[in-house]
């Protein structure tokens, strides 16, 4: 249970930055593709397993961030998947590899920025740095795929993100309070869980 003293000891922007990290992890492209599955072939089984690993890591990281937010502030703000993800429905996984690489680069940019801004909040900064290290592993996995003939296209260099890019999408959505779905429904793009649902909780 959070206290006034706990919150007073933390930087003013910590809640906003942690919520942004939560949205990045929970509403990632890898997690979206788990419930809007792309077409795959037998030769892409290793790639599919990498995608599952990344989505699982994003879910676990999201739970950690959500629990920290709930412990400190009593709730974690909701978000939503970017609308452009719908353009990837029913496409082949091989085609989507480059999109996944680009998305990982964007995540690394923003997580790096958040970690820098969390100076003075040792607990939150350490969590952000651990998540950043995990995303760099994901990017390395995607750029060294064991697929015949695969060559990732050149991606934009990692750049410093701006404050404007840290605005949390879907601010009109209801808050999570405690619940968050740990097993999204089959065959449908995952949605935030509403209070009273029986799936996982922070």
N, C-alpha and C. Protein backbone atom coordinates (compact mmCIF):
# COMPACT_ATOMS: atom_id res chain seq x y z
N UNK A 1 0.85 -1.19 0.00
CA UNK A 1 0.00 0.00 0.00
C UNK A 1 0.88 1.24 0.00
N UNK A 2 0.63 2.17 -0.91
CA UNK A 2 1.42 3.38 -0.99
C UNK A 2 1.02 4.34 0.11
N UNK A 3 1.92 5.26 0.43
CA UNK A 3 1.67 6.28 1.44
C UNK A 3 2.01 7.63 0.87
N UNK A 4 1.56 8.68 1.55
CA UNK A 4 1.89 10.02 1.09
C UNK A 4 3.39 10.24 1.08
N UNK A 5 4.06 9.70 2.08
CA UNK A 5 5.52 9.86 2.15
C UNK A 5 6.19 9.17 0.99
N UNK A 6 5.72 7.95 0.64
CA UNK A 6 6.29 7.21 -0.49
C UNK A 6 6.23 8.06 -1.76
N UNK A 7 5.06 8.66 -2.02
CA UNK A 7 4.88 9.44 -3.23
C UNK A 7 5.69 10.73 -3.18
N UNK A 8 5.79 11.32 -2.01
CA UNK A 8 6.51 12.58 -1.89
C UNK A 8 8.00 12.42 -2.15
N UNK A 9 8.51 11.22 -1.87
CA UNK A 9 9.94 10.96 -2.05
C UNK A 9 10.32 10.73 -3.50
N UNK A 10 9.36 10.60 -4.41
CA UNK A 10 9.64 10.27 -5.80
C UNK A 10 9.56 11.51 -6.67
N UNK A 11 10.33 11.54 -7.78
CA UNK A 11 10.23 12.67 -8.71
C UNK A 11 8.80 12.85 -9.21
N UNK A 12 8.43 14.10 -9.48
CA UNK A 12 7.06 14.40 -9.87
C UNK A 12 6.65 13.68 -11.14
N UNK A 13 7.59 13.45 -12.05
CA UNK A 13 7.27 12.83 -13.33
C UNK A 13 7.31 11.31 -13.29
N UNK A 14 7.65 10.72 -12.15
CA UNK A 14 7.83 9.27 -12.10
C UNK A 14 6.57 8.52 -12.51
N UNK A 15 5.41 8.96 -12.03
CA UNK A 15 4.17 8.27 -12.37
C UNK A 15 3.90 8.32 -13.86
N UNK A 16 4.08 9.49 -14.46
CA UNK A 16 3.85 9.63 -15.91
C UNK A 16 4.81 8.75 -16.70
N UNK A 17 6.08 8.73 -16.31
CA UNK A 17 7.08 7.95 -17.03
C UNK A 17 6.82 6.45 -16.87
N UNK A 18 6.44 6.02 -15.68
CA UNK A 18 6.14 4.61 -15.46
C UNK A 18 4.90 4.19 -16.25
N UNK A 19 3.92 5.06 -16.31
CA UNK A 19 2.74 4.74 -17.12
C UNK A 19 3.10 4.63 -18.59
N UNK A 20 4.02 5.47 -19.05
CA UNK A 20 4.45 5.38 -20.45
C UNK A 20 5.17 4.06 -20.70
N UNK A 21 6.02 3.65 -19.78
CA UNK A 21 6.69 2.35 -19.91
C UNK A 21 5.67 1.21 -19.94
N UNK A 22 4.65 1.32 -19.11
CA UNK A 22 3.62 0.28 -19.08
C UNK A 22 2.92 0.17 -20.43
N UNK A 23 2.54 1.30 -21.01
CA UNK A 23 1.88 1.29 -22.31
C UNK A 23 2.79 0.70 -23.38
N UNK A 24 4.07 1.06 -23.37
CA UNK A 24 5.02 0.55 -24.36
C UNK A 24 5.10 -0.97 -24.30
N UNK A 25 5.15 -1.53 -23.10
CA UNK A 25 5.32 -2.97 -22.95
C UNK A 25 4.01 -3.72 -23.17
N UNK A 26 2.94 -3.22 -22.56
CA UNK A 26 1.67 -3.97 -22.60
C UNK A 26 1.01 -3.91 -23.96
N UNK A 27 1.21 -2.82 -24.68
CA UNK A 27 0.58 -2.65 -25.99
C UNK A 27 1.62 -2.66 -27.11
N UNK A 28 2.53 -3.59 -27.01
CA UNK A 28 3.59 -3.72 -28.02
C UNK A 28 3.07 -4.46 -29.25
N UNK A 29 3.82 -4.34 -30.34
CA UNK A 29 3.46 -5.05 -31.56
C UNK A 29 3.54 -6.56 -31.36
N UNK A 30 4.54 -7.03 -30.64
CA UNK A 30 4.67 -8.47 -30.41
C UNK A 30 3.45 -9.02 -29.69
N UNK A 31 2.96 -8.29 -28.69
CA UNK A 31 1.78 -8.76 -27.97
C UNK A 31 0.53 -8.70 -28.86
N UNK A 32 0.44 -7.68 -29.68
CA UNK A 32 -0.70 -7.59 -30.60
C UNK A 32 -0.75 -8.80 -31.53
N UNK A 33 0.41 -9.20 -32.04
CA UNK A 33 0.47 -10.29 -33.00
C UNK A 33 0.14 -11.65 -32.38
N UNK A 34 0.19 -11.74 -31.07
CA UNK A 34 -0.19 -12.99 -30.42
C UNK A 34 -1.70 -13.23 -30.55
N UNK A 35 -2.48 -12.16 -30.69
CA UNK A 35 -3.92 -12.34 -30.81
C UNK A 35 -4.48 -11.85 -32.13
N UNK A 36 -3.59 -11.41 -33.00
CA UNK A 36 -3.96 -11.17 -34.39
C UNK A 36 -2.89 -11.89 -35.20
N UNK A 37 -2.87 -13.23 -35.10
CA UNK A 37 -1.72 -14.00 -35.57
C UNK A 37 -1.48 -13.87 -37.07
N UNK A 38 -0.22 -13.66 -37.45
CA UNK A 38 0.13 -13.59 -38.88
C UNK A 38 0.22 -14.98 -39.49
N UNK A 39 0.24 -15.01 -40.82
CA UNK A 39 0.45 -16.27 -41.53
C UNK A 39 1.90 -16.70 -41.35
N UNK A 40 2.10 -18.00 -41.15
CA UNK A 40 3.45 -18.53 -41.00
C UNK A 40 3.60 -19.80 -41.82
N UNK A 41 4.84 -20.17 -42.09
CA UNK A 41 5.15 -21.45 -42.75
C UNK A 41 6.09 -22.23 -41.84
N UNK A 42 6.33 -23.47 -42.19
CA UNK A 42 7.15 -24.33 -41.32
C UNK A 42 8.54 -23.77 -41.11
N UNK A 43 9.09 -23.12 -42.15
CA UNK A 43 10.45 -22.59 -42.04
C UNK A 43 10.54 -21.42 -41.06
N UNK A 44 9.40 -20.88 -40.66
CA UNK A 44 9.38 -19.73 -39.76
C UNK A 44 9.08 -20.10 -38.31
N UNK A 45 9.15 -21.38 -37.99
CA UNK A 45 8.85 -21.80 -36.63
C UNK A 45 9.79 -21.17 -35.62
N UNK A 46 11.07 -21.05 -35.98
CA UNK A 46 12.03 -20.43 -35.06
C UNK A 46 11.70 -18.96 -34.84
N UNK A 47 11.27 -18.27 -35.89
CA UNK A 47 10.86 -16.88 -35.77
C UNK A 47 9.62 -16.75 -34.90
N UNK A 48 8.67 -17.67 -35.08
CA UNK A 48 7.46 -17.64 -34.28
C UNK A 48 7.78 -17.82 -32.80
N UNK A 49 8.75 -18.68 -32.50
CA UNK A 49 9.13 -18.89 -31.11
C UNK A 49 9.79 -17.63 -30.52
N UNK A 50 10.58 -16.93 -31.34
CA UNK A 50 11.17 -15.67 -30.88
C UNK A 50 10.07 -14.65 -30.61
N UNK A 51 9.07 -14.59 -31.49
CA UNK A 51 7.95 -13.67 -31.28
C UNK A 51 7.23 -13.99 -29.97
N UNK A 52 7.00 -15.27 -29.72
CA UNK A 52 6.34 -15.66 -28.47
C UNK A 52 7.17 -15.24 -27.26
N UNK A 53 8.47 -15.42 -27.35
CA UNK A 53 9.34 -15.04 -26.23
C UNK A 53 9.26 -13.53 -25.97
N UNK A 54 9.33 -12.74 -27.04
CA UNK A 54 9.27 -11.29 -26.88
C UNK A 54 7.94 -10.87 -26.27
N UNK A 55 6.84 -11.42 -26.77
CA UNK A 55 5.52 -11.08 -26.24
C UNK A 55 5.41 -11.47 -24.77
N UNK A 56 5.96 -12.63 -24.42
CA UNK A 56 5.93 -13.08 -23.02
C UNK A 56 6.74 -12.15 -22.13
N UNK A 57 7.91 -11.72 -22.61
CA UNK A 57 8.73 -10.78 -21.84
C UNK A 57 8.01 -9.44 -21.67
N UNK A 58 7.37 -8.96 -22.72
CA UNK A 58 6.63 -7.70 -22.63
C UNK A 58 5.50 -7.81 -21.61
N UNK A 59 4.83 -8.93 -21.60
CA UNK A 59 3.76 -9.15 -20.63
C UNK A 59 4.31 -9.14 -19.21
N UNK A 60 5.39 -9.87 -18.98
CA UNK A 60 5.98 -9.94 -17.64
C UNK A 60 6.49 -8.58 -17.18
N UNK A 61 7.11 -7.83 -18.10
CA UNK A 61 7.60 -6.50 -17.75
C UNK A 61 6.43 -5.56 -17.45
N UNK A 62 5.36 -5.68 -18.23
CA UNK A 62 4.19 -4.86 -17.97
C UNK A 62 3.59 -5.13 -16.60
N UNK A 63 3.56 -6.39 -16.19
CA UNK A 63 3.04 -6.73 -14.87
C UNK A 63 3.90 -6.10 -13.79
N UNK A 64 5.23 -6.15 -13.93
CA UNK A 64 6.12 -5.54 -12.94
C UNK A 64 5.87 -4.05 -12.81
N UNK A 65 5.78 -3.37 -13.96
CA UNK A 65 5.54 -1.92 -13.94
C UNK A 65 4.18 -1.62 -13.31
N UNK A 66 3.16 -2.37 -13.71
CA UNK A 66 1.82 -2.17 -13.18
C UNK A 66 1.77 -2.35 -11.68
N UNK A 67 2.45 -3.36 -11.17
CA UNK A 67 2.47 -3.58 -9.72
C UNK A 67 3.14 -2.43 -9.00
N UNK A 68 4.22 -1.90 -9.57
CA UNK A 68 4.90 -0.76 -8.95
C UNK A 68 3.97 0.46 -8.92
N UNK A 69 3.27 0.70 -10.02
CA UNK A 69 2.35 1.83 -10.07
C UNK A 69 1.21 1.67 -9.06
N UNK A 70 0.63 0.48 -8.99
CA UNK A 70 -0.47 0.25 -8.06
C UNK A 70 0.01 0.38 -6.62
N UNK A 71 1.19 -0.13 -6.33
CA UNK A 71 1.72 -0.03 -4.96
C UNK A 71 1.95 1.42 -4.56
N UNK A 72 2.41 2.22 -5.48
CA UNK A 72 2.72 3.62 -5.16
C UNK A 72 1.50 4.54 -5.22
N UNK A 73 0.70 4.36 -6.28
CA UNK A 73 -0.32 5.36 -6.58
C UNK A 73 -1.76 4.82 -6.51
N UNK A 74 -1.88 3.51 -6.36
CA UNK A 74 -3.20 2.92 -6.24
C UNK A 74 -3.83 2.48 -7.55
N UNK A 75 -3.25 2.86 -8.68
CA UNK A 75 -3.81 2.47 -9.98
C UNK A 75 -2.73 2.64 -11.05
N UNK A 76 -3.00 2.05 -12.21
CA UNK A 76 -2.17 2.22 -13.40
C UNK A 76 -3.07 2.62 -14.55
N UNK A 77 -2.67 3.62 -15.30
CA UNK A 77 -3.51 4.12 -16.37
C UNK A 77 -3.55 3.16 -17.55
N UNK A 78 -4.69 3.14 -18.21
CA UNK A 78 -4.88 2.27 -19.37
C UNK A 78 -4.32 2.92 -20.62
N UNK A 79 -4.17 2.11 -21.66
CA UNK A 79 -3.76 2.59 -22.97
C UNK A 79 -4.49 1.79 -24.03
N UNK A 80 -3.97 1.78 -25.22
CA UNK A 80 -4.57 0.99 -26.30
C UNK A 80 -3.51 0.72 -27.35
N UNK A 81 -3.76 -0.31 -28.16
CA UNK A 81 -2.83 -0.61 -29.24
C UNK A 81 -2.91 0.50 -30.30
N UNK A 82 -1.79 0.88 -30.87
CA UNK A 82 -1.82 1.87 -31.95
C UNK A 82 -2.70 1.41 -33.10
N UNK A 83 -3.45 2.33 -33.66
CA UNK A 83 -4.39 1.99 -34.73
C UNK A 83 -3.68 1.36 -35.93
N UNK A 84 -2.43 1.78 -36.18
CA UNK A 84 -1.74 1.26 -37.37
C UNK A 84 -1.44 -0.23 -37.28
N UNK A 85 -1.50 -0.80 -36.06
CA UNK A 85 -1.28 -2.24 -35.95
C UNK A 85 -2.33 -3.03 -36.73
N UNK A 86 -3.52 -2.47 -36.89
CA UNK A 86 -4.58 -3.17 -37.63
C UNK A 86 -4.19 -3.40 -39.08
N UNK A 87 -3.27 -2.58 -39.60
CA UNK A 87 -2.81 -2.76 -40.98
C UNK A 87 -2.01 -4.05 -41.15
N UNK A 88 -1.57 -4.64 -40.05
CA UNK A 88 -0.74 -5.85 -40.12
C UNK A 88 -1.57 -7.12 -40.01
N UNK A 89 -2.88 -7.00 -39.86
CA UNK A 89 -3.72 -8.19 -39.77
C UNK A 89 -3.63 -9.03 -41.05
N UNK A 90 -3.51 -10.34 -40.88
CA UNK A 90 -3.55 -11.30 -41.99
C UNK A 90 -2.35 -11.19 -42.93
N UNK A 91 -1.25 -10.61 -42.45
CA UNK A 91 -0.02 -10.58 -43.24
C UNK A 91 0.91 -11.71 -42.80
N UNK A 92 1.91 -11.99 -43.61
CA UNK A 92 2.85 -13.05 -43.30
C UNK A 92 3.87 -12.62 -42.25
N UNK A 93 4.26 -13.55 -41.38
CA UNK A 93 5.22 -13.23 -40.33
C UNK A 93 6.56 -12.80 -40.92
N UNK A 94 6.97 -13.44 -42.01
CA UNK A 94 8.23 -13.06 -42.64
C UNK A 94 8.24 -11.61 -43.07
N UNK A 95 7.10 -11.14 -43.59
CA UNK A 95 6.99 -9.74 -44.00
C UNK A 95 7.05 -8.81 -42.79
N UNK A 96 6.51 -9.26 -41.65
CA UNK A 96 6.39 -8.40 -40.48
C UNK A 96 7.68 -8.30 -39.67
N UNK A 97 8.69 -9.09 -40.01
CA UNK A 97 9.94 -9.04 -39.25
C UNK A 97 10.51 -7.63 -39.22
N UNK A 98 10.54 -6.98 -40.38
CA UNK A 98 11.11 -5.63 -40.42
C UNK A 98 10.29 -4.66 -39.58
N UNK A 99 8.96 -4.84 -39.56
CA UNK A 99 8.11 -3.97 -38.72
C UNK A 99 8.43 -4.20 -37.24
N UNK A 100 8.67 -5.45 -36.88
CA UNK A 100 9.03 -5.77 -35.49
C UNK A 100 10.37 -5.13 -35.11
N UNK A 101 11.32 -5.17 -36.03
CA UNK A 101 12.63 -4.55 -35.77
C UNK A 101 12.47 -3.04 -35.58
N UNK A 102 11.71 -2.41 -36.44
CA UNK A 102 11.49 -0.97 -36.32
C UNK A 102 10.80 -0.63 -35.01
N UNK A 103 9.83 -1.46 -34.63
CA UNK A 103 9.10 -1.22 -33.39
C UNK A 103 10.03 -1.36 -32.18
N UNK A 104 10.91 -2.36 -32.21
CA UNK A 104 11.86 -2.53 -31.12
C UNK A 104 12.79 -1.31 -31.01
N UNK A 105 13.23 -0.78 -32.14
CA UNK A 105 14.08 0.42 -32.12
C UNK A 105 13.34 1.59 -31.48
N UNK A 106 12.08 1.76 -31.81
CA UNK A 106 11.29 2.83 -31.23
C UNK A 106 11.13 2.63 -29.73
N UNK A 107 10.89 1.40 -29.31
CA UNK A 107 10.76 1.12 -27.88
C UNK A 107 12.05 1.43 -27.14
N UNK A 108 13.18 1.04 -27.73
CA UNK A 108 14.48 1.29 -27.09
C UNK A 108 14.71 2.79 -26.94
N UNK A 109 14.36 3.56 -27.97
CA UNK A 109 14.50 5.02 -27.89
C UNK A 109 13.73 5.57 -26.69
N UNK A 110 12.46 5.20 -26.60
CA UNK A 110 11.62 5.78 -25.56
C UNK A 110 11.99 5.28 -24.17
N UNK A 111 12.32 4.01 -24.05
CA UNK A 111 12.70 3.48 -22.74
C UNK A 111 14.00 4.13 -22.27
N UNK A 112 14.94 4.35 -23.19
CA UNK A 112 16.18 5.04 -22.84
C UNK A 112 15.87 6.43 -22.30
N UNK A 113 14.99 7.15 -22.96
CA UNK A 113 14.62 8.49 -22.53
C UNK A 113 13.96 8.44 -21.14
N UNK A 114 13.03 7.50 -20.95
CA UNK A 114 12.37 7.38 -19.65
C UNK A 114 13.36 7.08 -18.54
N UNK A 115 14.29 6.17 -18.81
CA UNK A 115 15.29 5.81 -17.79
C UNK A 115 16.12 7.02 -17.39
N UNK A 116 16.50 7.84 -18.36
CA UNK A 116 17.29 9.05 -18.06
C UNK A 116 16.49 10.01 -17.19
N UNK A 117 15.19 10.12 -17.46
CA UNK A 117 14.35 11.06 -16.72
C UNK A 117 14.01 10.56 -15.32
N UNK A 118 14.28 9.30 -15.03
CA UNK A 118 13.95 8.73 -13.73
C UNK A 118 15.10 8.86 -12.73
N UNK A 119 16.10 9.65 -13.04
CA UNK A 119 17.18 9.91 -12.10
C UNK A 119 16.59 10.48 -10.81
N UNK A 120 16.98 9.91 -9.70
CA UNK A 120 16.43 10.32 -8.42
C UNK A 120 15.39 9.36 -7.89
N UNK A 121 15.00 8.41 -8.73
CA UNK A 121 14.06 7.36 -8.33
C UNK A 121 14.74 6.03 -8.60
N UNK A 122 15.52 5.58 -7.64
CA UNK A 122 16.39 4.42 -7.86
C UNK A 122 15.61 3.18 -8.25
N UNK A 123 14.48 2.93 -7.60
CA UNK A 123 13.71 1.72 -7.88
C UNK A 123 13.16 1.72 -9.30
N UNK A 124 12.54 2.84 -9.69
CA UNK A 124 11.95 2.92 -11.02
C UNK A 124 13.03 2.94 -12.10
N UNK A 125 14.14 3.61 -11.83
CA UNK A 125 15.22 3.68 -12.82
C UNK A 125 15.83 2.30 -13.05
N UNK A 126 16.02 1.53 -11.97
CA UNK A 126 16.56 0.18 -12.12
C UNK A 126 15.63 -0.69 -12.95
N UNK A 127 14.33 -0.59 -12.69
CA UNK A 127 13.37 -1.37 -13.47
C UNK A 127 13.41 -0.98 -14.94
N UNK A 128 13.48 0.33 -15.22
CA UNK A 128 13.55 0.80 -16.61
C UNK A 128 14.82 0.30 -17.29
N UNK A 129 15.93 0.29 -16.57
CA UNK A 129 17.19 -0.17 -17.15
C UNK A 129 17.15 -1.67 -17.43
N UNK A 130 16.51 -2.43 -16.55
CA UNK A 130 16.38 -3.87 -16.78
C UNK A 130 15.51 -4.14 -18.02
N UNK A 131 14.44 -3.38 -18.17
CA UNK A 131 13.58 -3.54 -19.33
C UNK A 131 14.32 -3.12 -20.60
N UNK A 132 15.10 -2.06 -20.51
CA UNK A 132 15.89 -1.61 -21.67
C UNK A 132 16.87 -2.70 -22.11
N UNK A 133 17.54 -3.32 -21.15
CA UNK A 133 18.47 -4.41 -21.48
C UNK A 133 17.74 -5.56 -22.17
N UNK A 134 16.53 -5.86 -21.70
CA UNK A 134 15.73 -6.92 -22.30
C UNK A 134 15.35 -6.59 -23.74
N UNK A 135 14.99 -5.32 -23.99
CA UNK A 135 14.61 -4.92 -25.35
C UNK A 135 15.81 -4.99 -26.31
N UNK A 136 16.98 -4.71 -25.82
CA UNK A 136 18.17 -4.81 -26.67
C UNK A 136 18.45 -6.27 -27.04
N UNK A 137 18.15 -7.17 -26.12
CA UNK A 137 18.27 -8.60 -26.44
C UNK A 137 17.24 -8.98 -27.51
N UNK A 138 16.03 -8.47 -27.38
CA UNK A 138 14.99 -8.75 -28.38
C UNK A 138 15.41 -8.24 -29.76
N UNK A 139 15.96 -7.04 -29.80
CA UNK A 139 16.40 -6.49 -31.09
C UNK A 139 17.51 -7.35 -31.69
N UNK A 140 18.41 -7.82 -30.87
CA UNK A 140 19.50 -8.68 -31.37
C UNK A 140 18.94 -9.99 -31.92
N UNK A 141 17.93 -10.55 -31.23
CA UNK A 141 17.32 -11.79 -31.72
C UNK A 141 16.68 -11.58 -33.09
N UNK A 142 16.00 -10.46 -33.26
CA UNK A 142 15.28 -10.20 -34.51
C UNK A 142 16.22 -9.88 -35.66
N UNK A 143 17.37 -9.32 -35.37
CA UNK A 143 18.31 -8.95 -36.44
C UNK A 143 19.30 -10.07 -36.75
N UNK A 144 19.23 -11.17 -36.03
CA UNK A 144 20.09 -12.33 -36.31
C UNK A 144 19.24 -13.59 -36.40
N UNK A 145 18.19 -13.49 -37.19
CA UNK A 145 17.26 -14.60 -37.31
C UNK A 145 17.87 -15.78 -38.06
N UNK A 146 17.60 -17.01 -37.59
CA UNK A 146 18.08 -18.20 -38.28
C UNK A 146 17.19 -18.58 -39.45
N UNK A 147 16.98 -17.63 -40.38
CA UNK A 147 16.14 -17.89 -41.55
C UNK A 147 16.98 -17.79 -42.80
N UNK A 148 16.86 -18.73 -43.72
CA UNK A 148 17.65 -18.69 -44.95
C UNK A 148 17.38 -17.42 -45.75
N UNK A 149 18.45 -16.73 -46.08
CA UNK A 149 18.33 -15.55 -46.94
C UNK A 149 17.83 -14.30 -46.27
N UNK A 150 17.59 -14.35 -44.94
CA UNK A 150 17.05 -13.16 -44.29
C UNK A 150 18.13 -12.11 -44.10
N UNK A 151 17.86 -10.89 -44.54
CA UNK A 151 18.74 -9.75 -44.33
C UNK A 151 17.87 -8.57 -43.91
N UNK A 152 18.00 -8.12 -42.64
CA UNK A 152 17.16 -6.99 -42.23
C UNK A 152 17.50 -5.74 -43.01
N UNK A 153 16.48 -4.98 -43.39
CA UNK A 153 16.70 -3.71 -44.05
C UNK A 153 17.33 -2.75 -43.05
N UNK A 154 18.05 -1.78 -43.56
CA UNK A 154 18.66 -0.81 -42.66
C UNK A 154 17.57 -0.06 -41.93
N UNK A 155 17.77 0.17 -40.63
CA UNK A 155 16.80 0.89 -39.83
C UNK A 155 17.37 2.23 -39.44
N UNK A 156 16.49 3.14 -39.09
CA UNK A 156 16.95 4.45 -38.66
C UNK A 156 17.76 4.30 -37.38
N UNK A 157 18.82 5.08 -37.21
CA UNK A 157 19.60 5.01 -35.98
C UNK A 157 18.75 5.39 -34.79
N UNK A 158 19.11 4.86 -33.64
CA UNK A 158 18.37 5.20 -32.43
C UNK A 158 18.56 6.68 -32.16
N UNK A 159 17.46 7.38 -31.96
CA UNK A 159 17.50 8.82 -31.75
C UNK A 159 16.84 9.17 -30.43
N UNK A 160 17.25 10.33 -29.89
CA UNK A 160 16.63 10.81 -28.66
C UNK A 160 15.18 11.18 -28.94
N UNK A 161 14.27 10.66 -28.12
CA UNK A 161 12.87 11.00 -28.31
C UNK A 161 12.56 12.32 -27.63
N UNK A 162 11.49 12.95 -28.04
CA UNK A 162 11.11 14.23 -27.48
C UNK A 162 10.07 14.03 -26.39
N UNK A 163 9.86 15.07 -25.61
CA UNK A 163 8.85 15.02 -24.57
C UNK A 163 7.46 14.75 -25.16
N UNK A 164 7.20 15.32 -26.35
CA UNK A 164 5.87 15.16 -26.96
C UNK A 164 5.58 13.70 -27.23
N UNK A 165 6.61 12.91 -27.53
CA UNK A 165 6.38 11.51 -27.87
C UNK A 165 6.02 10.67 -26.66
N UNK A 166 6.16 11.24 -25.45
CA UNK A 166 5.86 10.49 -24.24
C UNK A 166 4.40 10.61 -23.84
N UNK A 167 3.59 11.32 -24.61
CA UNK A 167 2.17 11.41 -24.30
C UNK A 167 1.55 10.03 -24.38
N UNK A 168 0.79 9.66 -23.38
CA UNK A 168 0.21 8.32 -23.33
C UNK A 168 -0.99 8.24 -24.24
N UNK A 169 -0.98 7.35 -25.25
CA UNK A 169 -2.13 7.22 -26.14
C UNK A 169 -3.32 6.64 -25.41
N UNK A 170 -4.52 6.94 -25.92
CA UNK A 170 -5.72 6.36 -25.33
C UNK A 170 -6.05 6.92 -23.97
N UNK A 171 -5.69 8.22 -23.73
CA UNK A 171 -5.92 8.79 -22.41
C UNK A 171 -7.40 8.85 -22.06
N UNK A 172 -8.25 8.70 -23.08
CA UNK A 172 -9.67 8.73 -22.80
C UNK A 172 -10.17 7.38 -22.30
N UNK A 173 -9.33 6.36 -22.31
CA UNK A 173 -9.74 5.03 -21.90
C UNK A 173 -9.88 4.96 -20.38
N UNK A 174 -10.67 4.02 -19.86
CA UNK A 174 -10.79 3.87 -18.40
C UNK A 174 -9.51 3.36 -17.81
N UNK A 175 -9.29 3.62 -16.52
CA UNK A 175 -8.08 3.15 -15.85
C UNK A 175 -8.20 1.68 -15.53
N UNK A 176 -7.05 1.04 -15.33
CA UNK A 176 -7.03 -0.39 -15.03
C UNK A 176 -7.43 -0.67 -13.59
N UNK A 177 -7.17 0.27 -12.67
CA UNK A 177 -7.21 -0.03 -11.24
C UNK A 177 -6.22 -1.18 -10.99
N UNK A 178 -6.68 -2.34 -10.53
CA UNK A 178 -5.77 -3.46 -10.33
C UNK A 178 -5.73 -4.45 -11.49
N UNK A 179 -6.84 -4.77 -12.16
CA UNK A 179 -6.82 -5.92 -13.08
C UNK A 179 -6.12 -5.66 -14.39
N UNK A 180 -5.44 -6.67 -14.90
CA UNK A 180 -4.86 -6.65 -16.23
C UNK A 180 -4.93 -8.08 -16.77
N UNK A 181 -5.34 -8.23 -18.01
CA UNK A 181 -5.45 -9.57 -18.60
C UNK A 181 -4.08 -10.15 -18.84
N UNK A 182 -3.83 -11.35 -18.33
CA UNK A 182 -2.57 -12.03 -18.59
C UNK A 182 -2.71 -13.04 -19.72
N UNK A 183 -3.91 -13.38 -20.09
CA UNK A 183 -4.16 -14.30 -21.20
C UNK A 183 -5.25 -13.71 -22.07
N UNK A 184 -4.89 -12.91 -23.10
CA UNK A 184 -5.89 -12.25 -23.93
C UNK A 184 -6.79 -13.25 -24.62
N UNK A 185 -8.02 -12.87 -24.97
CA UNK A 185 -8.97 -13.80 -25.60
C UNK A 185 -8.51 -14.26 -26.97
N UNK A 186 -8.82 -15.49 -27.31
CA UNK A 186 -8.39 -16.06 -28.58
C UNK A 186 -9.09 -15.40 -29.75
N UNK A 187 -8.30 -15.10 -30.79
CA UNK A 187 -8.89 -14.65 -32.03
C UNK A 187 -9.32 -13.21 -32.07
N UNK A 188 -9.09 -12.44 -30.99
CA UNK A 188 -9.49 -11.04 -30.98
C UNK A 188 -8.32 -10.19 -30.48
N UNK A 189 -8.17 -8.97 -31.01
CA UNK A 189 -7.14 -8.09 -30.47
C UNK A 189 -7.35 -7.91 -28.98
N UNK A 190 -6.29 -8.03 -28.15
CA UNK A 190 -6.46 -7.97 -26.70
C UNK A 190 -6.97 -6.61 -26.25
N UNK A 191 -7.74 -6.62 -25.17
CA UNK A 191 -8.33 -5.41 -24.61
C UNK A 191 -8.00 -5.33 -23.12
N UNK A 192 -8.00 -4.11 -22.55
CA UNK A 192 -7.82 -4.00 -21.10
C UNK A 192 -8.96 -4.72 -20.39
N UNK A 193 -8.65 -5.31 -19.24
CA UNK A 193 -9.66 -6.00 -18.45
C UNK A 193 -10.41 -5.00 -17.60
N UNK A 194 -11.69 -5.16 -17.50
CA UNK A 194 -12.50 -4.29 -16.67
C UNK A 194 -12.59 -4.85 -15.25
N UNK A 195 -12.80 -4.00 -14.25
CA UNK A 195 -12.94 -4.50 -12.88
C UNK A 195 -13.97 -5.59 -12.80
N UNK A 196 -13.63 -6.65 -12.06
CA UNK A 196 -14.54 -7.78 -11.91
C UNK A 196 -14.18 -8.95 -12.79
N UNK A 197 -13.32 -8.75 -13.82
CA UNK A 197 -12.88 -9.88 -14.63
C UNK A 197 -11.97 -10.79 -13.80
N UNK A 198 -11.83 -12.03 -14.24
CA UNK A 198 -11.16 -13.03 -13.42
C UNK A 198 -9.72 -13.29 -13.82
N UNK A 199 -9.21 -12.60 -14.86
CA UNK A 199 -7.84 -12.87 -15.28
C UNK A 199 -6.86 -12.20 -14.32
N UNK A 200 -5.56 -12.21 -14.71
CA UNK A 200 -4.51 -11.81 -13.80
C UNK A 200 -4.65 -10.40 -13.26
N UNK A 201 -4.09 -10.17 -12.09
CA UNK A 201 -4.12 -8.87 -11.43
C UNK A 201 -2.72 -8.45 -11.07
N UNK A 202 -2.52 -7.13 -10.99
CA UNK A 202 -1.22 -6.62 -10.52
C UNK A 202 -1.06 -6.93 -9.05
